[in-house]
């Protein structure tokens, strides 16, 4: 039986020492609970995609073998499935669940220092209360006083050095000072790579601990086969294979929830699970006397059209989730910043700004006029709650976060994460 990682205060992680924190008996009970509660999913029906060599789940047809219906994954032979007539592939209809077979501790290889992280593979429709129970009881995290949910571009992009420094410093300072949890997509690409760089820089200079939780689709993880095993410690290589289109987990994170909907090489399994978990965490009372839940802040860096959709959905939550936009980081962030700067208090824009936005959206996303119009309407929907969108048009300053103040979104913007005004941000 592998050892377990001991947690520090404020939802933090002591990476330097992994120690057994519970008795063998309670560990066994917890292991039984995990495998009873959390499941993996595997496609059991070939539905040909446009690429005739692949099933719609993303697996190559020649490699698409699965468990015979009714059989357990550790019993009987694996059988080749028959190709069925074309129909729309569905995770609910065309996958089979069985107890999760991947959870424990990751040891990241390939760096000067071996970072360690807790991980688990779960079905995309896992219950958020079960996930939070795992995080608090098994991973021994303390409930956060702030949840920072980071979204942005999935493809790699560069940031101006000064902006990268301000982004990283503000994010980490807010997390360390308040005992916040940081939620990301977990892999070493795009916005998550920049979060990882900030975490890595912080860990090399300070003993202050940050709880960074990556919520990623199981099917897009490179070397995921190395993670298979129950209550184990697994070495994980961080050297990418340029011939593969999968993504590596980011070694600066402390925990990973890997959402499985039976697909391979596709994003999406993590979206609903992450949203539901964030909602559930927000309902947890951190001040029972005042009835105060965990504040959630959505932090945006760069991003495509889907990020604008995420912002819109965040602002429509009840209560709405405030949004911090990193002006100057590109694409979606700059479009939102431009709209925020030039819209009226009621969220409306004049005809000139409208035309500029439409042209910028077309050019930024290589969209047609009608496609750009749809994104524009989403942006305008966001601007209806202009007061809950911030982070643009401000000067740099020293980053100082008071514990109680940081629970306020507006103070979080002003003191914890101050982005520069970028006069050319609309020229994406």
Protein backbone atom coordinates (compact mmCIF):
# COMPACT_ATOMS: atom_id res chain seq x y z
CA UNK A 1 0.00 0.00 0.00
CA UNK A 2 1.39 3.35 -0.98
CA UNK A 3 1.68 6.21 1.44
CA UNK A 4 -0.60 9.24 1.45
CA UNK A 5 0.19 12.93 1.33
CA UNK A 6 -0.24 15.02 4.44
CA UNK A 7 -2.00 18.34 4.10
CA UNK A 8 -1.01 21.68 5.54
CA UNK A 9 -3.28 24.54 6.53
CA UNK A 10 -5.49 26.68 4.28
CA UNK A 11 -6.16 23.82 1.87
CA UNK A 12 -2.46 23.57 1.16
CA UNK A 13 -0.14 20.72 0.36
CA UNK A 14 3.21 19.75 1.85
CA UNK A 15 4.93 18.39 -1.24
CA UNK A 16 8.21 17.57 0.49
CA UNK A 17 6.85 14.71 2.56
CA UNK A 18 4.18 12.16 1.75
CA UNK A 19 3.16 10.44 4.95
CA UNK A 20 0.47 8.03 5.98
CA UNK A 21 -2.14 10.08 7.79
CA UNK A 22 -4.66 7.40 8.68
CA UNK A 23 -4.55 3.87 10.00
CA UNK A 24 -4.43 0.88 7.66
CA UNK A 25 -7.99 0.02 8.61
CA UNK A 26 -9.41 3.43 7.79
CA UNK A 27 -7.38 3.53 4.57
CA UNK A 28 -9.00 0.28 3.51
CA UNK A 29 -12.45 1.65 4.30
CA UNK A 30 -11.67 4.80 2.31
CA UNK A 31 -10.41 2.73 -0.63
CA UNK A 32 -13.63 0.69 -0.63
CA UNK A 33 -15.65 3.92 -0.54
CA UNK A 34 -13.68 5.44 -3.44
CA UNK A 35 -14.14 2.42 -5.69
CA UNK A 36 -17.82 2.17 -4.78
CA UNK A 37 -18.43 5.88 -5.36
CA UNK A 38 -16.31 6.79 -8.40
CA UNK A 39 -16.37 5.14 -11.80
CA UNK A 40 -14.55 5.12 -15.11
CA UNK A 41 -16.24 4.96 -18.51
CA UNK A 42 -15.29 3.00 -21.61
CA UNK A 43 -16.92 3.06 -25.03
CA UNK A 44 -18.63 -0.25 -25.83
CA UNK A 45 -20.05 0.54 -29.26
CA UNK A 46 -18.27 1.53 -32.45
CA UNK A 47 -20.06 4.43 -34.14
CA UNK A 48 -17.98 5.48 -37.14
CA UNK A 49 -16.96 9.14 -37.30
CA UNK A 50 -16.25 11.17 -40.44
CA UNK A 51 -12.82 9.57 -40.27
CA UNK A 52 -13.74 5.98 -41.08
CA UNK A 53 -10.71 4.72 -39.18
CA UNK A 54 -12.05 6.07 -35.88
CA UNK A 55 -15.05 5.53 -33.67
CA UNK A 56 -16.96 8.66 -32.70
CA UNK A 57 -15.48 8.29 -29.21
CA UNK A 58 -12.08 9.12 -30.72
CA UNK A 59 -10.50 5.67 -30.55
CA UNK A 60 -9.06 4.04 -33.65
CA UNK A 61 -11.36 1.26 -34.81
CA UNK A 62 -8.41 -1.15 -34.95
CA UNK A 63 -7.66 -0.44 -31.29
CA UNK A 64 -11.26 -0.28 -30.20
CA UNK A 65 -11.75 -3.25 -27.97
CA UNK A 66 -13.87 -3.22 -24.88
CA UNK A 67 -15.35 -5.37 -22.18
CA UNK A 68 -18.06 -7.76 -23.26
CA UNK A 69 -21.45 -6.48 -22.03
CA UNK A 70 -22.08 -7.73 -18.50
CA UNK A 71 -18.46 -8.74 -17.90
CA UNK A 72 -16.17 -7.11 -15.36
CA UNK A 73 -12.95 -5.52 -16.54
CA UNK A 74 -10.87 -8.12 -14.71
CA UNK A 75 -12.80 -11.14 -15.95
CA UNK A 76 -12.93 -12.88 -19.30
CA UNK A 77 -11.39 -11.95 -22.66
CA UNK A 78 -11.63 -8.57 -24.31
CA UNK A 79 -13.72 -8.72 -27.46
CA UNK A 80 -13.65 -6.70 -30.69
CA UNK A 81 -16.92 -4.81 -31.10
CA UNK A 82 -18.92 -4.87 -34.30
CA UNK A 83 -19.33 -1.64 -36.22
CA UNK A 84 -22.92 -0.40 -35.99
CA UNK A 85 -24.92 1.71 -38.47
CA UNK A 86 -24.34 5.44 -38.16
CA UNK A 87 -26.03 7.16 -35.22
CA UNK A 88 -25.09 9.96 -32.86
CA UNK A 89 -22.57 8.77 -30.28
CA UNK A 90 -23.59 9.35 -26.66
CA UNK A 91 -21.59 8.87 -23.48
CA UNK A 92 -24.70 7.73 -21.62
CA UNK A 93 -25.82 5.27 -24.29
CA UNK A 94 -22.54 3.96 -25.70
CA UNK A 95 -20.27 3.69 -22.66
CA UNK A 96 -20.08 1.26 -19.80
CA UNK A 97 -19.15 2.17 -16.23
CA UNK A 98 -17.03 0.21 -13.78
CA UNK A 99 -15.17 1.14 -10.56
CA UNK A 100 -12.38 3.65 -11.10
CA UNK A 101 -9.02 2.02 -11.71
CA UNK A 102 -6.78 5.09 -11.39
CA UNK A 103 -6.22 7.05 -8.18
CA UNK A 104 -3.38 7.77 -5.79
CA UNK A 105 -0.25 9.90 -6.02
CA UNK A 106 1.59 11.16 -9.12
CA UNK A 107 5.35 11.66 -8.97
CA UNK A 108 6.31 14.01 -11.79
CA UNK A 109 9.59 13.06 -13.45
CA UNK A 110 11.86 15.12 -15.68
CA UNK A 111 12.61 18.09 -13.44
CA UNK A 112 15.22 18.89 -10.84
CA UNK A 113 12.71 18.34 -8.04
CA UNK A 114 10.07 15.59 -8.02
CA UNK A 115 6.69 17.23 -7.49
CA UNK A 116 3.88 15.08 -6.16
CA UNK A 117 0.14 15.40 -6.59
CA UNK A 118 -3.01 13.49 -5.66
CA UNK A 119 -5.20 12.30 -8.54
CA UNK A 120 -8.33 10.35 -9.36
CA UNK A 121 -10.13 9.25 -12.53
CA UNK A 122 -13.90 9.76 -12.24
CA UNK A 123 -16.95 9.60 -14.48
CA UNK A 124 -17.95 12.96 -15.95
CA UNK A 125 -21.30 12.79 -14.14
CA UNK A 126 -19.86 12.18 -10.66
CA UNK A 127 -21.78 13.88 -7.87
CA UNK A 128 -20.17 17.11 -6.64
CA UNK A 129 -20.87 16.30 -2.99
CA UNK A 130 -18.95 13.02 -3.37
CA UNK A 131 -16.02 14.85 -4.99
CA UNK A 132 -15.90 17.44 -2.22
CA UNK A 133 -16.05 14.66 0.37
CA UNK A 134 -13.03 13.05 -1.31
CA UNK A 135 -11.13 16.35 -1.32
CA UNK A 136 -11.82 17.12 2.34
CA UNK A 137 -11.70 13.63 3.87
CA UNK A 138 -9.26 11.66 1.70
CA UNK A 139 -7.09 14.48 0.35
CA UNK A 140 -7.45 16.30 3.70
CA UNK A 141 -7.93 19.75 2.22
CA UNK A 142 -9.55 22.49 4.25
CA UNK A 143 -12.47 24.31 2.67
CA UNK A 144 -11.19 27.42 0.89
CA UNK A 145 -12.15 30.95 1.80
CA UNK A 146 -12.01 31.84 -1.91
CA UNK A 147 -12.25 29.79 -5.11
CA UNK A 148 -10.41 31.23 -8.13
CA UNK A 149 -11.58 29.54 -11.32
CA UNK A 150 -9.12 30.21 -14.16
CA UNK A 151 -10.26 30.01 -17.79
CA UNK A 152 -8.64 30.95 -21.09
CA UNK A 153 -7.04 29.72 -24.28
CA UNK A 154 -6.16 26.03 -24.58
CA UNK A 155 -3.55 26.58 -27.28
CA UNK A 156 -0.17 27.97 -26.25
CA UNK A 157 0.18 31.76 -26.36
CA UNK A 158 2.75 34.26 -25.14
CA UNK A 159 2.18 37.08 -22.68
CA UNK A 160 4.14 40.34 -22.48
CA UNK A 161 6.74 39.79 -19.71
CA UNK A 162 5.34 42.55 -17.48
CA UNK A 163 1.79 41.27 -17.82
CA UNK A 164 2.89 37.70 -17.12
CA UNK A 165 4.63 38.88 -13.96
CA UNK A 166 1.62 40.84 -12.74
CA UNK A 167 -0.75 37.97 -13.54
CA UNK A 168 1.36 35.41 -11.70
CA UNK A 169 2.16 37.61 -8.72
CA UNK A 170 -1.45 38.69 -8.21
CA UNK A 171 -2.88 35.20 -8.57
CA UNK A 172 -0.43 33.57 -6.18
CA UNK A 173 -0.60 36.40 -3.64
CA UNK A 174 -4.39 36.15 -3.52
CA UNK A 175 -4.26 32.37 -3.13
CA UNK A 176 -1.56 32.30 -0.43
CA UNK A 177 -3.02 35.13 1.63
CA UNK A 178 -6.60 33.86 1.66
CA UNK A 179 -6.12 30.10 1.55
CA UNK A 180 -7.88 30.00 -1.82
CA UNK A 181 -8.20 27.03 -4.12
CA UNK A 182 -7.24 27.59 -7.75
CA UNK A 183 -9.18 25.58 -10.35
CA UNK A 184 -7.66 25.13 -13.82
CA UNK A 185 -7.88 22.72 -16.74
CA UNK A 186 -4.84 20.88 -15.39
CA UNK A 187 -2.74 20.38 -18.54
CA UNK A 188 0.48 22.10 -19.65
CA UNK A 189 -0.96 24.19 -22.47
CA UNK A 190 -2.36 27.68 -22.93
CA UNK A 191 -3.60 29.55 -19.88
CA UNK A 192 -2.82 26.59 -17.60
CA UNK A 193 0.84 26.74 -18.61
CA UNK A 194 0.98 30.35 -17.42
CA UNK A 195 -0.69 29.42 -14.12
CA UNK A 196 1.80 26.56 -13.80
CA UNK A 197 4.71 28.93 -14.41
CA UNK A 198 3.43 31.19 -11.62
CA UNK A 199 3.06 28.21 -9.26
CA UNK A 200 6.54 26.94 -10.14
CA UNK A 201 8.13 30.35 -9.63
CA UNK A 202 6.37 30.69 -6.29
CA UNK A 203 7.37 27.25 -5.00
CA UNK A 204 11.02 27.90 -5.88
CA UNK A 205 11.13 31.08 -3.79
CA UNK A 206 8.80 30.50 -0.89
CA UNK A 207 7.39 27.97 1.49
CA UNK A 208 3.92 29.45 1.19
CA UNK A 209 1.69 26.71 -0.13
CA UNK A 210 -0.93 26.90 -2.88
CA UNK A 211 -3.72 24.44 -3.57
CA UNK A 212 -4.01 24.21 -7.37
CA UNK A 213 -6.54 21.67 -8.60
CA UNK A 214 -6.52 20.63 -12.26
CA UNK A 215 -9.82 19.33 -13.65
CA UNK A 216 -9.01 17.73 -17.01
CA UNK A 217 -10.60 15.21 -19.38
CA UNK A 218 -9.10 11.76 -18.86
CA UNK A 219 -9.21 11.17 -22.61
CA UNK A 220 -6.81 13.99 -23.54
CA UNK A 221 -4.07 13.09 -21.06
CA UNK A 222 -0.78 11.89 -22.53
CA UNK A 223 0.71 8.86 -20.77
CA UNK A 224 -2.55 8.26 -18.89
CA UNK A 225 -1.85 4.52 -19.00
CA UNK A 226 0.95 5.18 -16.51
CA UNK A 227 -1.65 6.40 -14.00
CA UNK A 228 -3.71 3.21 -13.93
CA UNK A 229 -3.66 1.57 -10.52
CA UNK A 230 -5.70 1.68 -7.33
CA UNK A 231 -4.30 3.61 -4.34
CA UNK A 232 -0.84 3.72 -5.91
CA UNK A 233 2.11 6.03 -6.44
CA UNK A 234 2.91 6.40 -10.14
CA UNK A 235 5.85 8.03 -11.90
CA UNK A 236 4.69 10.39 -14.65
CA UNK A 237 6.97 11.65 -17.43
CA UNK A 238 6.64 15.32 -18.35
CA UNK A 239 8.47 15.04 -21.69
CA UNK A 240 5.93 15.52 -24.47
CA UNK A 241 5.75 13.35 -27.58
CA UNK A 242 5.53 15.79 -30.53
CA UNK A 243 3.88 13.11 -32.68
CA UNK A 244 0.90 12.81 -30.34
CA UNK A 245 -1.98 15.25 -30.03
CA UNK A 246 -2.58 14.59 -26.34
CA UNK A 247 -1.62 16.87 -23.43
CA UNK A 248 0.62 16.44 -20.40
CA UNK A 249 -0.55 17.14 -16.88
CA UNK A 250 1.01 20.28 -15.41
CA UNK A 251 3.53 19.32 -12.74
CA UNK A 252 2.99 22.45 -10.62
CA UNK A 253 -0.53 21.43 -9.58
CA UNK A 254 -1.22 19.75 -6.25
CA UNK A 255 -4.33 17.73 -7.18
CA UNK A 256 -6.06 16.38 -10.29
CA UNK A 257 -9.64 15.32 -10.98
CA UNK A 258 -9.68 13.51 -14.33
CA UNK A 259 -13.17 13.47 -15.84
CA UNK A 260 -13.95 10.44 -18.00
CA UNK A 261 -16.81 10.25 -20.51
CA UNK A 262 -15.35 7.42 -22.59
CA UNK A 263 -13.83 9.65 -25.27
CA UNK A 264 -10.22 9.85 -26.43
CA UNK A 265 -8.49 13.04 -27.59
CA UNK A 266 -11.52 15.26 -26.94
CA UNK A 267 -12.26 18.05 -24.49
CA UNK A 268 -15.68 18.43 -22.91
CA UNK A 269 -15.91 15.71 -20.26
CA UNK A 270 -14.67 18.15 -17.63
CA UNK A 271 -16.99 21.09 -18.34
CA UNK A 272 -20.17 20.06 -16.52
CA UNK A 273 -18.29 18.33 -13.69
CA UNK A 274 -16.20 21.43 -13.00
CA UNK A 275 -19.19 23.77 -13.13
CA UNK A 276 -21.24 21.60 -10.77
CA UNK A 277 -18.33 21.23 -8.34
CA UNK A 278 -17.75 24.99 -8.27
CA UNK A 279 -21.46 25.57 -7.57
CA UNK A 280 -21.39 23.02 -4.75
CA UNK A 281 -18.29 24.54 -3.16
CA UNK A 282 -19.89 27.99 -3.32
CA UNK A 283 -22.76 26.66 -1.18
CA UNK A 284 -20.47 25.53 1.65
CA UNK A 285 -20.73 27.76 4.70
CA UNK A 286 -17.36 29.16 5.80
CA UNK A 287 -19.01 31.54 8.25
CA UNK A 288 -21.95 29.78 9.85
CA UNK A 289 -22.91 32.81 11.94
CA UNK A 290 -23.27 35.01 8.87
CA UNK A 291 -24.37 32.17 6.60
CA UNK A 292 -21.58 33.07 4.19
CA UNK A 293 -20.67 30.65 1.41
CA UNK A 294 -17.34 30.31 -0.39
CA UNK A 295 -16.85 33.27 -2.78
CA UNK A 296 -16.03 32.27 -6.36
CA UNK A 297 -14.16 34.48 -8.84
CA UNK A 298 -13.76 33.67 -12.54
CA UNK A 299 -10.35 34.75 -13.89
CA UNK A 300 -9.98 35.10 -17.68
CA UNK A 301 -6.70 35.06 -19.62
CA UNK A 302 -6.85 35.18 -23.45
CA UNK A 303 -9.31 32.55 -24.74
CA UNK A 304 -11.56 31.65 -27.65
CA UNK A 305 -15.32 32.04 -28.22
CA UNK A 306 -16.05 29.36 -25.60
CA UNK A 307 -14.46 31.57 -22.94
CA UNK A 308 -16.94 34.35 -23.72
CA UNK A 309 -19.67 31.75 -23.24
CA UNK A 310 -18.14 30.76 -19.88
CA UNK A 311 -18.11 34.42 -18.78
CA UNK A 312 -21.76 34.83 -19.78
CA UNK A 313 -22.78 31.68 -17.89
CA UNK A 314 -20.78 32.75 -14.82
CA UNK A 315 -22.54 36.11 -14.71
CA UNK A 316 -25.93 34.40 -15.09
CA UNK A 317 -25.36 32.15 -12.08
CA UNK A 318 -27.44 32.77 -8.97
CA UNK A 319 -25.75 34.42 -7.25
CA UNK A 320 -23.67 35.66 -10.19
CA UNK A 321 -19.96 34.82 -10.29
CA UNK A 322 -17.86 37.97 -10.75
CA UNK A 323 -15.25 37.97 -13.52
CA UNK A 324 -11.72 39.37 -13.65
CA UNK A 325 -10.51 39.88 -17.24
CA UNK A 326 -6.80 40.16 -18.00
CA UNK A 327 -6.63 43.00 -20.53
CA UNK A 328 -3.75 42.70 -22.97
CA UNK A 329 -3.60 38.89 -22.92
CA UNK A 330 -5.35 38.61 -26.29
CA UNK A 331 -8.47 37.33 -28.06
CA UNK A 332 -11.53 36.89 -25.80
CA UNK A 333 -10.01 38.84 -22.90
CA UNK A 334 -9.26 41.85 -25.06
CA UNK A 335 -12.69 41.77 -26.72
CA UNK A 336 -14.39 41.72 -23.31
CA UNK A 337 -12.07 44.46 -22.03
CA UNK A 338 -12.78 46.68 -25.03
CA UNK A 339 -16.54 46.23 -24.64
CA UNK A 340 -16.31 46.91 -20.91
CA UNK A 341 -14.31 50.09 -21.45
CA UNK A 342 -16.64 51.63 -24.02
CA UNK A 343 -20.10 50.43 -23.00
CA UNK A 344 -22.48 52.56 -20.94
CA UNK A 345 -23.51 51.69 -17.40
CA UNK A 346 -26.56 49.88 -18.78
CA UNK A 347 -24.25 47.71 -20.90
CA UNK A 348 -25.17 49.24 -24.27
CA UNK A 349 -22.67 50.49 -26.86
CA UNK A 350 -22.97 53.07 -29.62
CA UNK A 351 -22.95 52.16 -33.30
CA UNK A 352 -19.26 52.95 -33.78
CA UNK A 353 -18.16 50.67 -30.92
CA UNK A 354 -20.56 48.00 -32.14
CA UNK A 355 -18.98 48.03 -35.60
CA UNK A 356 -15.46 47.93 -34.12
CA UNK A 357 -16.40 44.96 -31.96
CA UNK A 358 -17.92 43.04 -34.87
CA UNK A 359 -14.84 43.60 -37.05
CA UNK A 360 -12.52 42.61 -34.19
CA UNK A 361 -14.49 39.44 -33.47
CA UNK A 362 -14.44 38.48 -37.16
CA UNK A 363 -10.70 39.04 -37.42
CA UNK A 364 -9.81 37.47 -34.06
CA UNK A 365 -11.72 34.22 -34.55
CA UNK A 366 -11.73 34.13 -38.37
CA UNK A 367 -15.53 34.24 -38.26
CA UNK A 368 -18.18 35.21 -40.78
CA UNK A 369 -20.32 38.29 -40.13
CA UNK A 370 -23.22 36.16 -38.87
CA UNK A 371 -20.95 34.16 -36.56
CA UNK A 372 -19.43 37.37 -35.24
CA UNK A 373 -22.93 38.71 -34.60
CA UNK A 374 -23.66 35.74 -32.31
CA UNK A 375 -20.48 36.36 -30.29
CA UNK A 376 -21.26 40.08 -30.15
CA UNK A 377 -24.67 39.33 -28.63
CA UNK A 378 -22.98 37.16 -25.99
CA UNK A 379 -20.54 39.98 -25.19
CA UNK A 380 -23.44 42.41 -24.82
CA UNK A 381 -25.19 39.94 -22.53
CA UNK A 382 -22.06 39.98 -20.34
CA UNK A 383 -22.04 43.78 -20.30
CA UNK A 384 -25.54 43.83 -18.78
CA UNK A 385 -23.68 43.02 -15.57
CA UNK A 386 -20.82 45.42 -16.19
CA UNK A 387 -20.36 46.07 -12.47
CA UNK A 388 -19.39 42.41 -11.98
CA UNK A 389 -16.72 42.48 -14.69
CA UNK A 390 -13.40 44.06 -13.78
CA UNK A 391 -9.65 44.07 -14.20
CA UNK A 392 -9.34 46.50 -17.12
CA UNK A 393 -8.01 50.03 -17.45
CA UNK A 394 -5.99 50.07 -14.26
CA UNK A 395 -2.38 50.96 -13.47
CA UNK A 396 0.16 48.61 -11.94
CA UNK A 397 0.64 48.75 -8.20
CA UNK A 398 2.03 46.80 -5.29
CA UNK A 399 -0.11 43.76 -4.66
CA UNK A 400 -1.37 43.65 -1.08
CA UNK A 401 -4.21 41.41 0.00
CA UNK A 402 -5.94 41.54 3.35
CA UNK A 403 -7.53 38.20 4.30
CA UNK A 404 -11.02 39.57 4.84
CA UNK A 405 -10.85 42.14 2.08
CA UNK A 406 -9.92 39.51 -0.46
CA UNK A 407 -13.29 37.88 0.03
CA UNK A 408 -14.75 40.92 -1.67
CA UNK A 409 -14.55 40.73 -5.43
CA UNK A 410 -13.96 44.42 -5.88
CA UNK A 411 -11.04 44.47 -3.46
CA UNK A 412 -9.75 41.33 -5.16
CA UNK A 413 -9.64 43.25 -8.43
CA UNK A 414 -8.12 46.37 -6.91
CA UNK A 415 -5.51 44.79 -4.69
CA UNK A 416 -4.95 41.18 -5.68
CA UNK A 417 -4.97 41.30 -9.45
CA UNK A 418 -4.30 44.60 -11.19
CA UNK A 419 -4.00 44.47 -14.96
CA UNK A 420 -2.69 47.25 -17.18
CA UNK A 421 -4.81 49.21 -19.55
CA UNK A 422 -3.94 48.21 -23.10
CA UNK A 423 -4.95 50.91 -25.53
CA UNK A 424 -4.56 48.58 -28.49
CA UNK A 425 -6.38 45.63 -26.94
CA UNK A 426 -9.08 45.71 -29.60
CA UNK A 427 -6.48 45.08 -32.29
CA UNK A 428 -6.30 41.34 -31.52
